PDB file of N, CA and C in Angstrom:
ATOM      1  N   MET A   1     -23.084  24.677  24.984  1.00  0.00           N
ATOM      2  CA  MET A   1     -23.741  23.417  24.698  1.00  0.00           C
ATOM      3  C   MET A   1     -24.490  22.952  25.935  1.00  0.00           C
ATOM      4  N   PHE A   2     -25.602  22.329  25.717  1.00  0.00           N
ATOM      5  CA  PHE A   2     -26.461  21.864  26.786  1.00  0.00           C
ATOM      6  C   PHE A   2     -26.934  20.456  26.493  1.00  0.00           C
ATOM      7  N   LEU A   3     -27.389  19.746  27.530  1.00  0.00           N
ATOM      8  CA  LEU A   3     -28.036  18.448  27.359  1.00  0.00           C
ATOM      9  C   LEU A   3     -29.526  18.670  27.380  1.00  0.00           C
ATOM     10  N   ASN A   4     -30.246  18.131  26.399  1.00  0.00           N
ATOM     11  CA  ASN A   4     -31.695  18.240  26.458  1.00  0.00           C
ATOM     12  C   ASN A   4     -32.272  17.017  27.168  1.00  0.00           C
ATOM     13  N   CYS A   5     -33.593  16.918  27.260  1.00  0.00           N
ATOM     14  CA  CYS A   5     -34.232  15.893  28.089  1.00  0.00           C
ATOM     15  C   CYS A   5     -33.968  14.471  27.608  1.00  0.00           C
ATOM     16  N   ASN A   6     -33.677  14.254  26.322  1.00  0.00           N
ATOM     17  CA  ASN A   6     -33.416  12.889  25.869  1.00  0.00           C
ATOM     18  C   ASN A   6     -31.929  12.544  25.868  1.00  0.00           C
ATOM     19  N   GLY A   7     -31.082  13.418  26.427  1.00  0.00           N
ATOM     20  CA  GLY A   7     -29.677  13.099  26.600  1.00  0.00           C
ATOM     21  C   GLY A   7     -28.776  13.514  25.459  1.00  0.00           C
ATOM     22  N   SER A   8     -29.303  14.212  24.442  1.00  0.00           N
ATOM     23  CA  SER A   8     -28.433  14.626  23.351  1.00  0.00           C
ATOM     24  C   SER A   8     -27.941  16.047  23.589  1.00  0.00           C
ATOM     25  N   LEU A   9     -26.723  16.285  23.142  1.00  0.00           N
ATOM     26  CA  LEU A   9     -26.135  17.607  23.299  1.00  0.00           C
ATOM     27  C   LEU A   9     -26.723  18.555  22.274  1.00  0.00           C
ATOM     28  N   ILE A  10     -26.975  19.781  22.688  1.00  0.00           N
ATOM     29  CA  ILE A  10     -27.501  20.776  21.767  1.00  0.00           C
ATOM     30  C   ILE A  10     -26.641  22.022  21.826  1.00  0.00           C
ATOM     31  N   ARG A  11     -26.645  22.782  20.750  1.00  0.00           N
ATOM     32  CA  ARG A  11     -25.886  24.006  20.663  1.00  0.00           C
ATOM     33  C   ARG A  11     -26.874  25.142  20.429  1.00  0.00           C
ATOM     34  N   ARG A  12     -26.752  26.175  21.197  1.00  0.00           N
ATOM     35  CA  ARG A  12     -27.627  27.332  21.050  1.00  0.00           C
ATOM     36  C   ARG A  12     -26.958  28.348  20.135  1.00  0.00           C
ATOM     37  N   MET A  13     -27.697  28.856  19.179  1.00  0.00           N
ATOM     38  CA  MET A  13     -27.198  29.878  18.270  1.00  0.00           C
ATOM     39  C   MET A  13     -27.447  31.247  18.897  1.00  0.00           C
ATOM     40  N   SER A  14     -26.526  32.181  18.727  1.00  0.00           N
ATOM     41  CA  SER A  14     -26.662  33.487  19.372  1.00  0.00           C
ATOM     42  C   SER A  14     -27.568  34.423  18.586  1.00  0.00           C
ATOM     43  N   SER A  15     -27.604  34.318  17.283  1.00  0.00           N
ATOM     44  CA  SER A  15     -28.474  35.190  16.500  1.00  0.00           C
ATOM     45  C   SER A  15     -28.897  34.473  15.232  1.00  0.00           C
ATOM     46  N   PRO A  16     -30.134  34.748  14.769  1.00  0.00           N
ATOM     47  CA  PRO A  16     -30.584  34.082  13.545  1.00  0.00           C
ATOM     48  C   PRO A  16     -29.783  34.589  12.347  1.00  0.00           C
ATOM     49  N   GLN A  17     -29.457  33.676  11.449  1.00  0.00           N
ATOM     50  CA  GLN A  17     -28.671  34.028  10.274  1.00  0.00           C
ATOM     51  C   GLN A  17     -29.275  33.346   9.064  1.00  0.00           C
ATOM     52  N   GLN A  18     -28.904  33.818   7.891  1.00  0.00           N
ATOM     53  CA  GLN A  18     -29.319  33.183   6.657  1.00  0.00           C
ATOM     54  C   GLN A  18     -28.089  32.798   5.858  1.00  0.00           C
ATOM     55  N   THR A  19     -28.198  31.692   5.177  1.00  0.00           N
ATOM     56  CA  THR A  19     -27.108  31.252   4.316  1.00  0.00           C
ATOM     57  C   THR A  19     -27.207  32.000   2.998  1.00  0.00           C
ATOM     58  N   PRO A  20     -26.180  31.941   2.143  1.00  0.00           N
ATOM     59  CA  PRO A  20     -26.249  32.637   0.846  1.00  0.00           C
ATOM     60  C   PRO A  20     -27.406  32.170  -0.031  1.00  0.00           C
ATOM     61  N   THR A  21     -27.884  30.941   0.171  1.00  0.00           N
ATOM     62  CA  THR A  21     -29.004  30.451  -0.622  1.00  0.00           C
ATOM     63  C   THR A  21     -30.345  30.882  -0.041  1.00  0.00           C
ATOM     64  N   GLY A  22     -30.338  31.552   1.106  1.00  0.00           N
ATOM     65  CA  GLY A  22     -31.572  32.029   1.708  1.00  0.00           C
ATOM     66  C   GLY A  22     -32.160  31.094   2.748  1.00  0.00           C
ATOM     67  N   ALA A  23     -31.501  29.959   3.019  1.00  0.00           N
ATOM     68  CA  ALA A  23     -32.015  29.026   4.025  1.00  0.00           C
ATOM     69  C   ALA A  23     -31.809  29.614   5.413  1.00  0.00           C
ATOM     70  N   GLN A  24     -32.746  29.385   6.286  1.00  0.00           N
ATOM     71  CA  GLN A  24     -32.674  29.930   7.636  1.00  0.00           C
ATOM     72  C   GLN A  24     -31.866  29.016   8.543  1.00  0.00           C
ATOM     73  N   VAL A  25     -31.029  29.624   9.362  1.00  0.00           N
ATOM     74  CA  VAL A  25     -30.279  28.918  10.391  1.00  0.00           C
ATOM     75  C   VAL A  25     -31.121  28.996  11.651  1.00  0.00           C
ATOM     76  N   PRO A  26     -31.083  27.995  12.539  1.00  0.00           N
ATOM     77  CA  PRO A  26     -31.941  28.011  13.724  1.00  0.00           C
ATOM     78  C   PRO A  26     -31.793  29.294  14.547  1.00  0.00           C
ATOM     79  N   THR A  27     -32.906  29.734  15.089  1.00  0.00           N
ATOM     80  CA  THR A  27     -32.919  30.918  15.944  1.00  0.00           C
ATOM     81  C   THR A  27     -32.432  30.535  17.338  1.00  0.00           C
ATOM     82  N   PRO A  28     -32.221  31.518  18.239  1.00  0.00           N
ATOM     83  CA  PRO A  28     -31.721  31.186  19.577  1.00  0.00           C
ATOM     84  C   PRO A  28     -32.612  30.228  20.354  1.00  0.00           C
ATOM     85  N   MET A  29     -33.896  30.207  20.098  1.00  0.00           N
ATOM     86  CA  MET A  29     -34.790  29.326  20.836  1.00  0.00           C
ATOM     87  C   MET A  29     -34.784  27.905  20.281  1.00  0.00           C
ATOM     88  N   GLU A  30     -34.317  27.725  19.053  1.00  0.00           N
ATOM     89  CA  GLU A  30     -34.245  26.395  18.466  1.00  0.00           C
ATOM     90  C   GLU A  30     -32.890  25.784  18.779  1.00  0.00           C
ATOM     91  N   SER A  31     -32.788  24.495  18.622  1.00  0.00           N
ATOM     92  CA  SER A  31     -31.511  23.837  18.890  1.00  0.00           C
ATOM     93  C   SER A  31     -31.227  22.812  17.808  1.00  0.00           C
ATOM     94  N   THR A  32     -29.966  22.514  17.635  1.00  0.00           N
ATOM     95  CA  THR A  32     -29.555  21.478  16.699  1.00  0.00           C
ATOM     96  C   THR A  32     -28.840  20.390  17.480  1.00  0.00           C
ATOM     97  N   SER A  33     -29.156  19.153  17.200  1.00  0.00           N
ATOM     98  CA  SER A  33     -28.550  18.026  17.907  1.00  0.00           C
ATOM     99  C   SER A  33     -27.151  17.784  17.364  1.00  0.00           C
ATOM    100  N   ILE A  34     -26.180  17.706  18.267  1.00  0.00           N
ATOM    101  CA  ILE A  34     -24.796  17.455  17.866  1.00  0.00           C
ATOM    102  C   ILE A  34     -24.440  15.995  18.104  1.00  0.00           C
ATOM    103  N   VAL A  35     -24.754  15.482  19.292  1.00  0.00           N
ATOM    104  CA  VAL A  35     -24.417  14.116  19.668  1.00  0.00           C
ATOM    105  C   VAL A  35     -25.663  13.471  20.258  1.00  0.00           C
ATOM    106  N   SER A  36     -25.969  12.263  19.821  1.00  0.00           N
ATOM    107  CA  SER A  36     -27.150  11.584  20.348  1.00  0.00           C
ATOM    108  C   SER A  36     -26.868  11.001  21.730  1.00  0.00           C
ATOM    109  N   GLY A  37     -27.929  10.728  22.459  1.00  0.00           N
ATOM    110  CA  GLY A  37     -27.794  10.132  23.785  1.00  0.00           C
ATOM    111  C   GLY A  37     -27.167   8.749  23.726  1.00  0.00           C
ATOM    112  N   LYS A  38     -27.458   8.009  22.657  1.00  0.00           N
ATOM    113  CA  LYS A  38     -26.885   6.664  22.495  1.00  0.00           C
ATOM    114  C   LYS A  38     -25.364   6.738  22.378  1.00  0.00           C
ATOM    115  N   THR A  39     -24.870   7.740  21.682  1.00  0.00           N
ATOM    116  CA  THR A  39     -23.428   7.894  21.516  1.00  0.00           C
ATOM    117  C   THR A  39     -22.759   8.224  22.837  1.00  0.00           C
ATOM    118  N   VAL A  40     -23.389   9.073  23.639  1.00  0.00           N
ATOM    119  CA  VAL A  40     -22.826   9.437  24.937  1.00  0.00           C
ATOM    120  C   VAL A  40     -22.786   8.219  25.853  1.00  0.00           C
ATOM    121  N   ILE A  41     -23.859   7.439  25.871  1.00  0.00           N
ATOM    122  CA  ILE A  41     -23.903   6.236  26.703  1.00  0.00           C
ATOM    123  C   ILE A  41     -22.862   5.223  26.234  1.00  0.00           C
ATOM    124  N   GLN A  42     -22.720   5.075  24.929  1.00  0.00           N
ATOM    125  CA  GLN A  42     -21.726   4.142  24.397  1.00  0.00           C
ATOM    126  C   GLN A  42     -20.309   4.595  24.773  1.00  0.00           C
ATOM    127  N   MET A  43     -20.055   5.873  24.701  1.00  0.00           N
ATOM    128  CA  MET A  43     -18.735   6.390  25.064  1.00  0.00           C
ATOM    129  C   MET A  43     -18.456   6.174  26.553  1.00  0.00           C
ATOM    130  N   LEU A  44     -19.453   6.400  27.401  1.00  0.00           N
ATOM    131  CA  LEU A  44     -19.283   6.158  28.832  1.00  0.00           C
ATOM    132  C   LEU A  44     -19.030   4.672  29.116  1.00  0.00           C
ATOM    133  N   PHE A  45     -19.715   3.798  28.391  1.00  0.00           N
ATOM    134  CA  PHE A  45     -19.532   2.362  28.562  1.00  0.00           C
ATOM    135  C   PHE A  45     -18.096   1.947  28.233  1.00  0.00           C
ATOM    136  N   TYR A  46     -17.581   2.408  27.089  1.00  0.00           N
ATOM    137  CA  TYR A  46     -16.219   2.034  26.704  1.00  0.00           C
ATOM    138  C   TYR A  46     -15.177   2.709  27.586  1.00  0.00           C
ATOM    139  N   THR A  47     -15.477   3.887  28.104  1.00  0.00           N
ATOM    140  CA  THR A  47     -14.574   4.512  29.071  1.00  0.00           C
ATOM    141  C   THR A  47     -14.508   3.689  30.349  1.00  0.00           C
ATOM    142  N   PHE A  48     -15.670   3.226  30.819  1.00  0.00           N
ATOM    143  CA  PHE A  48     -15.710   2.367  32.001  1.00  0.00           C
ATOM    144  C   PHE A  48     -14.914   1.085  31.762  1.00  0.00           C
ATOM    145  N   LEU A  49     -15.100   0.464  30.597  1.00  0.00           N
ATOM    146  CA  LEU A  49     -14.339  -0.751  30.277  1.00  0.00           C
ATOM    147  C   LEU A  49     -12.845  -0.479  30.215  1.00  0.00           C
ATOM    148  N   MET A  50     -12.457   0.660  29.636  1.00  0.00           N
ATOM    149  CA  MET A  50     -11.042   0.978  29.487  1.00  0.00           C
ATOM    150  C   MET A  50     -10.367   1.189  30.839  1.00  0.00           C
ATOM    151  N   VAL A  51     -11.121   1.649  31.814  1.00  0.00           N
ATOM    152  CA  VAL A  51     -10.545   1.865  33.143  1.00  0.00           C
ATOM    153  C   VAL A  51     -10.535   0.572  33.952  1.00  0.00           C
ATOM    154  N   THR A  52     -11.638  -0.150  33.953  1.00  0.00           N
ATOM    155  CA  THR A  52     -11.771  -1.283  34.860  1.00  0.00           C
ATOM    156  C   THR A  52     -11.183  -2.593  34.333  1.00  0.00           C
ATOM    157  N   LEU A  53     -11.344  -2.877  33.066  1.00  0.00           N
ATOM    158  CA  LEU A  53     -10.934  -4.189  32.543  1.00  0.00           C
ATOM    159  C   LEU A  53      -9.420  -4.427  32.618  1.00  0.00           C
ATOM    160  N   PRO A  54      -8.567  -3.514  32.169  1.00  0.00           N
ATOM    161  CA  PRO A  54      -7.127  -3.789  32.281  1.00  0.00           C
ATOM    162  C   PRO A  54      -6.636  -3.881  33.726  1.00  0.00           C
ATOM    163  N   ILE A  55      -7.138  -3.014  34.590  1.00  0.00           N
ATOM    164  CA  ILE A  55      -6.696  -3.040  35.989  1.00  0.00           C
ATOM    165  C   ILE A  55      -7.132  -4.327  36.671  1.00  0.00           C
ATOM    166  N   SER A  56      -8.398  -4.696  36.481  1.00  0.00           N
ATOM    167  CA  SER A  56      -8.876  -5.924  37.122  1.00  0.00           C
ATOM    168  C   SER A  56      -8.206  -7.156  36.522  1.00  0.00           C
ATOM    169  N   SER A  57      -7.969  -7.156  35.219  1.00  0.00           N
ATOM    170  CA  SER A  57      -7.306  -8.319  34.621  1.00  0.00           C
ATOM    171  C   SER A  57      -5.862  -8.441  35.106  1.00  0.00           C
ATOM    172  N   TYR A  58      -5.207  -7.312  35.350  1.00  0.00           N
ATOM    173  CA  TYR A  58      -3.840  -7.364  35.875  1.00  0.00           C
ATOM    174  C   TYR A  58      -3.815  -8.053  37.239  1.00  0.00           C
ATOM    175  N   PHE A  59      -4.633  -7.548  38.166  1.00  0.00           N
ATOM    176  CA  PHE A  59      -4.580  -8.089  39.529  1.00  0.00           C
ATOM    177  C   PHE A  59      -5.148  -9.510  39.617  1.00  0.00           C
ATOM    178  N   LEU A  60      -6.213  -9.784  38.881  1.00  0.00           N
ATOM    179  CA  LEU A  60      -6.775 -11.139  38.911  1.00  0.00           C
ATOM    180  C   LEU A  60      -5.818 -12.156  38.289  1.00  0.00           C
ATOM    181  N   SER A  61      -5.218 -11.811  37.149  1.00  0.00           N
ATOM    182  CA  SER A  61      -4.302 -12.770  36.524  1.00  0.00           C
ATOM    183  C   SER A  61      -3.027 -12.924  37.352  1.00  0.00           C
ATOM    184  N   LYS A  62      -2.574 -11.872  37.985  1.00  0.00           N
ATOM    185  CA  LYS A  62      -1.363 -11.944  38.815  1.00  0.00           C
ATOM    186  C   LYS A  62      -1.557 -12.909  39.972  1.00  0.00           C
ATOM    187  N   LYS A  63      -2.665 -12.743  40.685  1.00  0.00           N
ATOM    188  CA  LYS A  63      -2.889 -13.557  41.880  1.00  0.00           C
ATOM    189  C   LYS A  63      -3.431 -14.949  41.533  1.00  0.00           C
ATOM    190  N   MET A  64      -4.533 -14.990  40.778  1.00  0.00           N
ATOM    191  CA  MET A  64      -5.230 -16.264  40.573  1.00  0.00           C
ATOM    192  C   MET A  64      -4.563 -17.161  39.534  1.00  0.00           C
ATOM    193  N   VAL A  65      -4.053 -16.570  38.466  1.00  0.00           N
ATOM    194  CA  VAL A  65      -3.511 -17.402  37.389  1.00  0.00           C
ATOM    195  C   VAL A  65      -2.027 -17.679  37.605  1.00  0.00           C
ATOM    196  N   PHE A  66      -1.231 -16.615  37.674  1.00  0.00           N
ATOM    197  CA  PHE A  66       0.221 -16.815  37.651  1.00  0.00           C
ATOM    198  C   PHE A  66       0.798 -17.230  39.011  1.00  0.00           C
ATOM    199  N   GLN A  67       0.255 -16.726  40.112  1.00  0.00           N
ATOM    200  CA  GLN A  67       0.791 -17.116  41.415  1.00  0.00           C
ATOM    201  C   GLN A  67       0.160 -18.407  41.919  1.00  0.00           C
ATOM    202  N   ASP A  68      -1.175 -18.502  41.886  1.00  0.00           N
ATOM    203  CA  ASP A  68      -1.850 -19.675  42.436  1.00  0.00           C
ATOM    204  C   ASP A  68      -1.790 -20.892  41.509  1.00  0.00           C
ATOM    205  N   MET A  69      -2.086 -20.695  40.214  1.00  0.00           N
ATOM    206  CA  MET A  69      -2.127 -21.840  39.304  1.00  0.00           C
ATOM    207  C   MET A  69      -0.740 -22.269  38.829  1.00  0.00           C
ATOM    208  N   PHE A  70       0.097 -21.298  38.432  1.00  0.00           N
ATOM    209  CA  PHE A  70       1.397 -21.633  37.867  1.00  0.00           C
ATOM    210  C   PHE A  70       2.533 -21.585  38.879  1.00  0.00           C
ATOM    211  N   GLY A  71       2.286 -21.073  40.062  1.00  0.00           N
ATOM    212  CA  GLY A  71       3.288 -21.067  41.109  1.00  0.00           C
ATOM    213  C   GLY A  71       4.402 -20.046  40.946  1.00  0.00           C
ATOM    214  N   TYR A  72       4.153 -18.981  40.178  1.00  0.00           N
ATOM    215  CA  TYR A  72       5.161 -17.919  40.042  1.00  0.00           C
ATOM    216  C   TYR A  72       5.275 -17.160  41.353  1.00  0.00           C
ATOM    217  N   SER A  73       6.435 -16.578  41.602  1.00  0.00           N
ATOM    218  CA  SER A  73       6.585 -15.705  42.762  1.00  0.00           C
ATOM    219  C   SER A  73       5.906 -14.365  42.454  1.00  0.00           C
ATOM    220  N   SER A  74       5.781 -13.538  43.472  1.00  0.00           N
ATOM    221  CA  SER A  74       5.129 -12.242  43.282  1.00  0.00           C
ATOM    222  C   SER A  74       5.888 -11.376  42.284  1.00  0.00           C
ATOM    223  N   ASP A  75       7.191 -11.439  42.309  1.00  0.00           N
ATOM    224  CA  ASP A  75       8.001 -10.647  41.373  1.00  0.00           C
ATOM    225  C   ASP A  75       7.956 -11.215  39.952  1.00  0.00           C
ATOM    226  N   ASP A  76       7.933 -12.531  39.836  1.00  0.00           N
ATOM    227  CA  ASP A  76       7.936 -13.155  38.508  1.00  0.00           C
ATOM    228  C   ASP A  76       6.593 -13.043  37.792  1.00  0.00           C
ATOM    229  N   SER A  77       5.521 -12.801  38.524  1.00  0.00           N
ATOM    230  CA  SER A  77       4.196 -12.742  37.898  1.00  0.00           C
ATOM    231  C   SER A  77       3.821 -11.346  37.399  1.00  0.00           C
ATOM    232  N   VAL A  78       4.689 -10.363  37.594  1.00  0.00           N
ATOM    233  CA  VAL A  78       4.372  -8.985  37.200  1.00  0.00           C
ATOM    234  C   VAL A  78       4.322  -8.827  35.681  1.00  0.00           C
ATOM    235  N   ILE A  79       5.314  -9.319  34.984  1.00  0.00           N
ATOM    236  CA  ILE A  79       5.386  -9.109  33.531  1.00  0.00           C
ATOM    237  C   ILE A  79       4.275  -9.838  32.787  1.00  0.00           C
ATOM    238  N   PRO A  80       4.001 -11.119  33.063  1.00  0.00           N
ATOM    239  CA  PRO A  80       2.880 -11.755  32.356  1.00  0.00           C
ATOM    240  C   PRO A  80       1.535 -11.099  32.671  1.00  0.00           C
ATOM    241  N   SER A  81       1.372 -10.601  33.897  1.00  0.00           N
ATOM    242  CA  SER A  81       0.125  -9.932  34.258  1.00  0.00           C
ATOM    243  C   SER A  81       0.000  -8.598  33.544  1.00  0.00           C
ATOM    244  N   ALA A  82       1.102  -7.888  33.395  1.00  0.00           N
ATOM    245  CA  ALA A  82       1.088  -6.625  32.656  1.00  0.00           C
ATOM    246  C   ALA A  82       0.767  -6.869  31.183  1.00  0.00           C
ATOM    247  N   LEU A  83       1.289  -7.936  30.627  1.00  0.00           N
ATOM    248  CA  LEU A  83       0.961  -8.283  29.241  1.00  0.00           C
ATOM    249  C   LEU A  83      -0.525  -8.612  29.094  1.00  0.00           C
ATOM    250  N   THR A  84      -1.092  -9.260  30.091  1.00  0.00           N
ATOM    251  CA  THR A  84      -2.531  -9.532  30.080  1.00  0.00           C
ATOM    252  C   THR A  84      -3.331  -8.231  30.075  1.00  0.00           C
ATOM    253  N   ALA A  85      -2.891  -7.259  30.867  1.00  0.00           N
ATOM    254  CA  ALA A  85      -3.573  -5.963  30.905  1.00  0.00           C
ATOM    255  C   ALA A  85      -3.452  -5.238  29.566  1.00  0.00           C
ATOM    256  N   VAL A  86      -2.302  -5.319  28.933  1.00  0.00           N
ATOM    257  CA  VAL A  86      -2.107  -4.681  27.630  1.00  0.00           C
ATOM    258  C   VAL A  86      -3.009  -5.327  26.580  1.00  0.00           C
ATOM    259  N   VAL A  87      -3.139  -6.638  26.638  1.00  0.00           N
ATOM    260  CA  VAL A  87      -4.033  -7.333  25.708  1.00  0.00           C
ATOM    261  C   VAL A  87      -5.481  -6.878  25.930  1.00  0.00           C
ATOM    262  N   MET A  88      -5.873  -6.698  27.172  1.00  0.00           N
ATOM    263  CA  MET A  88      -7.237  -6.236  27.468  1.00  0.00           C
ATOM    264  C   MET A  88      -7.484  -4.822  26.947  1.00  0.00           C
ATOM    265  N   VAL A  89      -6.466  -3.955  27.019  1.00  0.00           N
ATOM    266  CA  VAL A  89      -6.598  -2.601  26.450  1.00  0.00           C
ATOM    267  C   VAL A  89      -6.855  -2.697  24.954  1.00  0.00           C
ATOM    268  N   HIS A  90      -6.120  -3.556  24.284  1.00  0.00           N
ATOM    269  CA  HIS A  90      -6.311  -3.713  22.838  1.00  0.00           C
ATOM    270  C   HIS A  90      -7.658  -4.332  22.503  1.00  0.00           C
ATOM    271  N   VAL A  91      -8.144  -5.223  23.336  1.00  0.00           N
ATOM    272  CA  VAL A  91      -9.472  -5.810  23.110  1.00  0.00           C
ATOM    273  C   VAL A  91     -10.548  -4.731  23.223  1.00  0.00           C
ATOM    274  N   VAL A  92     -10.472  -3.886  24.243  1.00  0.00           N
ATOM    275  CA  VAL A  92     -11.459  -2.819  24.410  1.00  0.00           C
ATOM    276  C   VAL A  92     -11.384  -1.832  23.250  1.00  0.00           C
ATOM    277  N   LEU A  93     -10.177  -1.461  22.840  1.00  0.00           N
ATOM    278  CA  LEU A  93     -10.045  -0.559  21.696  1.00  0.00           C
ATOM    279  C   LEU A  93     -10.603  -1.180  20.419  1.00  0.00           C
ATOM    280  N   GLY A  94     -10.350  -2.443  20.217  1.00  0.00           N
ATOM    281  CA  GLY A  94     -10.898  -3.127  19.051  1.00  0.00           C
ATOM    282  C   GLY A  94     -12.417  -3.171  19.074  1.00  0.00           C
ATOM    283  N   LEU A  95     -12.991  -3.432  20.238  1.00  0.00           N
ATOM    284  CA  LEU A  95     -14.452  -3.429  20.361  1.00  0.00           C
ATOM    285  C   LEU A  95     -15.032  -2.050  20.096  1.00  0.00           C
ATOM    286  N   PHE A  96     -14.360  -1.015  20.584  1.00  0.00           N
ATOM    287  CA  PHE A  96     -14.835   0.351  20.355  1.00  0.00           C
ATOM    288  C   PHE A  96     -14.783   0.707  18.875  1.00  0.00           C
ATOM    289  N   VAL A  97     -13.694   0.378  18.213  1.00  0.00           N
ATOM    290  CA  VAL A  97     -13.573   0.669  16.785  1.00  0.00           C
ATOM    291  C   VAL A  97     -14.621  -0.106  15.994  1.00  0.00           C
ATOM    292  N   TYR A  98     -14.838  -1.364  16.341  1.00  0.00           N
ATOM    293  CA  TYR A  98     -15.855  -2.160  15.658  1.00  0.00           C
ATOM    294  C   TYR A  98     -17.248  -1.561  15.856  1.00  0.00           C
ATOM    295  N   ALA A  99     -17.560  -1.177  17.093  1.00  0.00           N
ATOM    296  CA  ALA A  99     -18.878  -0.584  17.368  1.00  0.00           C
ATOM    297  C   ALA A  99     -19.046   0.742  16.631  1.00  0.00           C
ATOM    298  N   ALA A 100     -17.994   1.538  16.582  1.00  0.00           N
ATOM    299  CA  ALA A 100     -18.077   2.817  15.874  1.00  0.00           C
ATOM    300  C   ALA A 100     -18.196   2.604  14.368  1.00  0.00           C
ATOM    301  N   TYR A 101     -17.530   1.611  13.851  1.00  0.00           N
ATOM    302  CA  TYR A 101     -17.559   1.339  12.413  1.00  0.00           C
ATOM    303  C   TYR A 101     -18.917   0.811  11.961  1.00  0.00           C
ATOM    304  N   THR A 102     -19.545  -0.011  12.789  1.00  0.00           N
ATOM    305  CA  THR A 102     -20.816  -0.617  12.398  1.00  0.00           C
ATOM    306  C   THR A 102     -22.026   0.184  12.859  1.00  0.00           C
ATOM    307  N   GLU A 103     -21.807   1.342  13.482  1.00  0.00           N
ATOM    308  CA  GLU A 103     -22.919   2.149  13.973  1.00  0.00           C
ATOM    309  C   GLU A 103     -23.706   2.732  12.806  1.00  0.00           C
ATOM    310  N   ASP A 104     -25.023   2.682  12.930  1.00  0.00           N
ATOM    311  CA  ASP A 104     -25.889   3.254  11.904  1.00  0.00           C
ATOM    312  C   ASP A 104     -25.922   4.760  12.063  1.00  0.00           C
ATOM    313  N   ILE A 105     -25.606   5.456  10.978  1.00  0.00           N
ATOM    314  CA  ILE A 105     -25.669   6.905  10.982  1.00  0.00           C
ATOM    315  C   ILE A 105     -26.926   7.297  10.232  1.00  0.00           C
ATOM    316  N   PRO A 106     -27.874   7.975  10.921  1.00  0.00           N
ATOM    317  CA  PRO A 106     -29.110   8.332  10.236  1.00  0.00           C
ATOM    318  C   PRO A 106     -28.853   9.357   9.139  1.00  0.00           C
ATOM    319  N   ALA A 107     -29.558   9.182   8.052  1.00  0.00           N
ATOM    320  CA  ALA A 107     -29.424  10.125   6.932  1.00  0.00           C
ATOM    321  C   ALA A 107     -30.128  11.425   7.278  1.00  0.00           C
ATOM    322  N   LYS A 108     -29.482  12.532   6.950  1.00  0.00           N
ATOM    323  CA  LYS A 108     -30.094  13.833   7.227  1.00  0.00           C
ATOM    324  C   LYS A 108     -31.138  14.127   6.139  1.00  0.00           C
ATOM    325  N   PRO A 109     -32.301  14.607   6.563  1.00  0.00           N
ATOM    326  CA  PRO A 109     -33.324  14.933   5.557  1.00  0.00           C
ATOM    327  C   PRO A 109     -32.888  16.133   4.727  1.00  0.00           C
ATOM    328  N   LYS A 110     -33.230  16.097   3.440  1.00  0.00           N
ATOM    329  CA  LYS A 110     -32.888  17.203   2.563  1.00  0.00           C
ATOM    330  C   LYS A 110     -33.846  18.359   2.804  1.00  0.00           C
ATOM    331  N   ARG A 111     -33.280  19.542   2.899  1.00  0.00           N
ATOM    332  CA  ARG A 111     -34.094  20.743   3.091  1.00  0.00           C
ATOM    333  C   ARG A 111     -34.280  21.446   1.750  1.00  0.00           C
ATOM    334  N   ASP A 112     -35.474  21.895   1.524  1.00  0.00           N
ATOM    335  CA  ASP A 112     -35.749  22.618   0.267  1.00  0.00           C
ATOM    336  C   ASP A 112     -35.544  24.090   0.437  1.00  0.00           C
TER     337      ASP A 112
END
């Protein structure tokens, strides 16, 4: 598999083949798009969110919210901060599922 110039993954066929109905399968010089560039960018975005959002929410809520605002000790603020991070993981997963569910899938043209 390779990335072409517009960012979509392509698969190279090793030899030309025909289907039982006589339709031609792409030759080695042709390519078929497997994943669009938009999908790859969206996946990278949600991966970035999944890594950064829970970790940053843990440390920010531990220090700024639970220790500074509510006066918890460093040991007492661990569990509420961890729960905040878990909630952020679920928020990112929910956003990803929503984006995947509402994504427009282009209709494939019918071949004669």
